[in-house]
Amino acid sequence: MVKKDDTFLNAVKDVRPLKIKSETLQLEIKKPKPIPKKLIEDEESVLQDSLSDHYLYAELESDENTFYLKNGHSPEIINKLRRGFWVIQDSLDLHGYTSDEAKVQLVTFLNACQKRNTRCIRIIHGKGIGSANKEPVLKKRVRSWLIQKQEIIAYVEAPRHDGGSGAIVVLIQDN
């Protein structure tokens, strides 16, 4: 009769170790490259500080809605953006953020879009219904911040199904 304690030993009694030459098992463990966190923080801080909340800008208005087009670019870009010529590749929702938090989120998002070569994005800033004065604070600031960014070519108010006056569709310069 087999004892309960000997069950494992009986199960593995015929097992023999594999003979493997160490030359065939060369494990290369590569250390990951260090992430320069402080450098990234410093760059983001500089970018955030470079966006003024008091920047004077002129948006253009048409019969349909407000838009912006950087100097030197074809007016056809605005029509193409409105018609959805470029597919919206990513979106940022700024609902619930303070102005300072929204600026950080926007800068971080735009940097990520540049790195991924994302061309067309939607930024949802809201209509200001939840604001203290029921005024769209982020709507004005986001548009002002975008105009200050070199990589922004144009933006238009989003179509109704994409947020209407509470969002904008933005075209970013190709890398």
Protein backbone atom coordinates (compact mmCIF):
# COMPACT_ATOMS: atom_id res chain seq x y z
CA MET A 1 0.00 0.00 0.00
CA VAL A 2 1.32 3.41 -1.00
CA LYS A 3 1.45 6.09 1.62
CA LYS A 4 -0.17 9.40 0.88
CA ASP A 5 3.17 11.20 1.29
CA ASP A 6 4.90 9.00 -1.32
CA THR A 7 2.41 9.71 -4.12
CA PHE A 8 4.45 12.50 -5.66
CA LEU A 9 7.72 10.63 -5.40
CA ASN A 10 6.19 7.59 -7.10
CA ALA A 11 4.78 9.79 -9.87
CA VAL A 12 8.16 11.31 -10.72
CA LYS A 13 10.47 8.40 -9.98
CA ASP A 14 11.22 7.71 -13.68
CA VAL A 15 11.78 11.35 -14.63
CA ARG A 16 15.28 12.24 -15.81
CA PRO A 17 16.61 15.74 -16.37
CA LEU A 18 16.96 16.89 -19.99
CA LYS A 19 20.48 17.26 -21.24
CA ILE A 20 20.72 20.75 -22.73
CA LYS A 21 23.92 22.37 -23.76
CA SER A 22 24.19 25.85 -22.34
CA GLU A 23 25.46 27.18 -25.71
CA THR A 24 22.05 26.61 -27.25
CA LEU A 25 20.28 28.48 -24.48
CA GLN A 26 21.80 31.89 -24.69
CA LEU A 27 19.32 34.16 -23.04
CA GLU A 28 19.84 37.78 -23.80
CA ILE A 29 18.05 39.95 -21.36
CA LYS A 30 18.16 43.48 -22.62
CA LYS A 31 17.62 46.25 -20.18
CA PRO A 32 15.02 48.76 -21.32
CA LYS A 33 16.27 52.17 -22.28
CA PRO A 34 15.82 54.69 -19.50
CA ILE A 35 12.92 57.08 -19.86
CA PRO A 36 14.01 60.70 -19.39
CA LYS A 37 11.00 61.60 -17.25
CA LYS A 38 12.38 64.93 -16.07
CA LEU A 39 13.18 66.00 -19.64
CA ILE A 40 9.67 65.08 -20.77
CA GLU A 41 8.15 67.00 -17.84
CA ASP A 42 10.32 70.04 -18.62
CA GLU A 43 9.37 70.01 -22.30
CA GLU A 44 5.66 69.74 -21.49
CA SER A 45 5.97 72.54 -18.97
CA VAL A 46 7.60 74.82 -21.54
CA LEU A 47 4.91 73.99 -24.10
CA GLN A 48 2.14 74.71 -21.60
CA ASP A 49 3.72 77.98 -20.56
CA SER A 50 4.09 79.01 -24.18
CA LEU A 51 0.29 79.01 -24.63
CA SER A 52 -1.23 82.26 -23.46
CA ASP A 53 -4.74 82.54 -22.12
CA HIS A 54 -4.81 86.15 -23.30
CA TYR A 55 -3.82 85.63 -26.93
CA LEU A 56 -5.81 87.84 -29.30
CA TYR A 57 -6.95 86.01 -32.38
CA ALA A 58 -9.41 86.39 -35.16
CA GLU A 59 -11.64 83.51 -36.09
CA LEU A 60 -13.57 83.66 -39.28
CA GLU A 61 -17.28 83.14 -39.43
CA SER A 62 -19.31 81.90 -42.32
CA ASP A 63 -22.99 81.20 -42.69
CA GLU A 64 -22.41 77.72 -41.26
CA ASN A 65 -20.11 78.24 -38.27
CA THR A 66 -16.78 79.47 -36.91
CA PHE A 67 -13.49 78.28 -38.34
CA TYR A 68 -9.75 79.02 -38.45
CA LEU A 69 -7.28 78.64 -41.31
CA LYS A 70 -3.56 79.32 -40.98
CA ASN A 71 -2.18 81.87 -43.43
CA GLY A 72 -0.79 80.43 -46.64
CA HIS A 73 -3.17 77.47 -46.85
CA SER A 74 -5.94 76.86 -49.33
CA PRO A 75 -9.48 77.83 -48.31
CA GLU A 76 -10.52 74.45 -49.73
CA ILE A 77 -9.13 72.86 -46.53
CA ILE A 78 -12.05 74.33 -44.57
CA ASN A 79 -14.58 72.82 -46.97
CA LYS A 80 -12.82 69.45 -46.83
CA LEU A 81 -12.76 69.49 -43.03
CA ARG A 82 -16.47 70.28 -42.91
CA ARG A 83 -17.31 67.51 -45.37
CA GLY A 84 -15.25 64.92 -43.48
CA PHE A 85 -12.57 64.50 -46.15
CA TRP A 86 -10.11 63.55 -43.40
CA VAL A 87 -11.23 60.81 -41.03
CA ILE A 88 -11.13 61.79 -37.37
CA GLN A 89 -8.33 59.61 -36.04
CA ASP A 90 -8.44 60.53 -32.36
CA SER A 91 -10.49 62.55 -29.91
CA LEU A 92 -9.93 64.47 -26.67
CA ASP A 93 -12.78 65.18 -24.26
CA LEU A 94 -12.11 68.13 -21.94
CA HIS A 95 -15.42 67.99 -20.06
CA GLY A 96 -14.92 68.57 -16.35
CA TYR A 97 -11.41 70.01 -16.57
CA THR A 98 -10.41 73.40 -15.25
CA SER A 99 -8.72 75.75 -17.69
CA ASP A 100 -5.23 74.87 -16.44
CA GLU A 101 -5.95 71.13 -16.49
CA ALA A 102 -7.41 71.40 -19.98
CA LYS A 103 -4.27 73.17 -21.23
CA VAL A 104 -2.08 70.34 -19.89
CA GLN A 105 -4.36 67.72 -21.45
CA LEU A 106 -4.41 69.54 -24.79
CA VAL A 107 -0.63 69.97 -25.00
CA THR A 108 -0.03 66.34 -24.05
CA PHE A 109 -2.63 65.16 -26.56
CA LEU A 110 -1.21 67.28 -29.40
CA ASN A 111 2.31 66.02 -28.68
CA ALA A 112 1.10 62.42 -28.81
CA CYS A 113 -0.75 63.12 -32.08
CA GLN A 114 2.40 64.63 -33.61
CA LYS A 115 4.45 61.58 -32.62
CA ARG A 116 1.87 59.19 -34.11
CA ASN A 117 1.46 61.38 -37.20
CA THR A 118 -2.25 61.77 -36.49
CA ARG A 119 -3.63 64.38 -38.88
CA CYS A 120 -7.28 64.90 -38.00
CA ILE A 121 -8.62 65.08 -34.46
CA ARG A 122 -11.73 66.14 -32.58
CA ILE A 123 -11.52 68.17 -29.41
CA ILE A 124 -14.64 68.24 -27.28
CA HIS A 125 -14.62 71.38 -25.15
CA GLY A 126 -18.30 71.45 -24.26
CA LYS A 127 -20.89 74.19 -24.55
CA GLY A 128 -20.36 75.72 -21.13
CA ILE A 129 -23.61 74.48 -19.63
CA GLY A 130 -21.79 73.25 -16.51
CA SER A 131 -19.74 76.45 -16.09
CA ALA A 132 -20.35 78.88 -13.24
CA ASN A 133 -21.67 81.62 -15.53
CA LYS A 134 -23.09 79.20 -18.10
CA GLU A 135 -20.49 80.55 -20.54
CA PRO A 136 -18.22 78.32 -22.62
CA VAL A 137 -14.83 79.15 -21.05
CA LEU A 138 -12.95 76.20 -22.59
CA LYS A 139 -14.47 76.79 -26.01
CA LYS A 140 -12.73 80.17 -26.35
CA ARG A 141 -9.51 79.10 -24.68
CA VAL A 142 -9.05 75.86 -26.64
CA ARG A 143 -9.48 77.74 -29.91
CA SER A 144 -7.01 80.39 -28.78
CA TRP A 145 -4.47 77.77 -27.70
CA LEU A 146 -4.77 75.91 -31.01
CA ILE A 147 -4.13 79.04 -33.04
CA GLN A 148 -0.89 79.54 -31.10
CA LYS A 149 0.37 76.07 -32.02
CA GLN A 150 2.61 75.97 -35.10
CA GLU A 151 1.43 72.51 -36.18
CA ILE A 152 -2.27 73.44 -36.39
CA ILE A 153 -3.38 74.16 -39.95
CA ALA A 154 -7.11 74.62 -39.48
CA TYR A 155 -10.17 73.86 -37.44
CA VAL A 156 -13.90 73.96 -37.94
CA GLU A 157 -16.85 73.55 -35.65
CA ALA A 158 -17.72 69.87 -35.52
CA PRO A 159 -20.77 68.60 -37.38
CA ARG A 160 -23.85 68.14 -35.23
CA HIS A 161 -23.35 64.35 -34.97
CA ASP A 162 -19.75 64.90 -33.74
CA GLY A 163 -20.53 67.45 -31.04
CA GLY A 164 -21.73 70.54 -32.90
CA SER A 165 -20.79 73.80 -31.20
CA GLY A 166 -19.35 71.85 -28.25
CA ALA A 167 -16.47 70.44 -30.31
CA ILE A 168 -14.06 71.26 -33.09
CA VAL A 169 -12.41 69.19 -35.79
CA VAL A 170 -8.72 70.04 -36.14
CA LEU A 171 -6.26 69.41 -38.97
CA ILE A 172 -2.65 68.95 -37.87
CA GLN A 173 0.32 69.51 -40.14
CA ASP A 174 1.84 66.37 -41.65
CA ASN A 175 5.27 65.37 -40.23
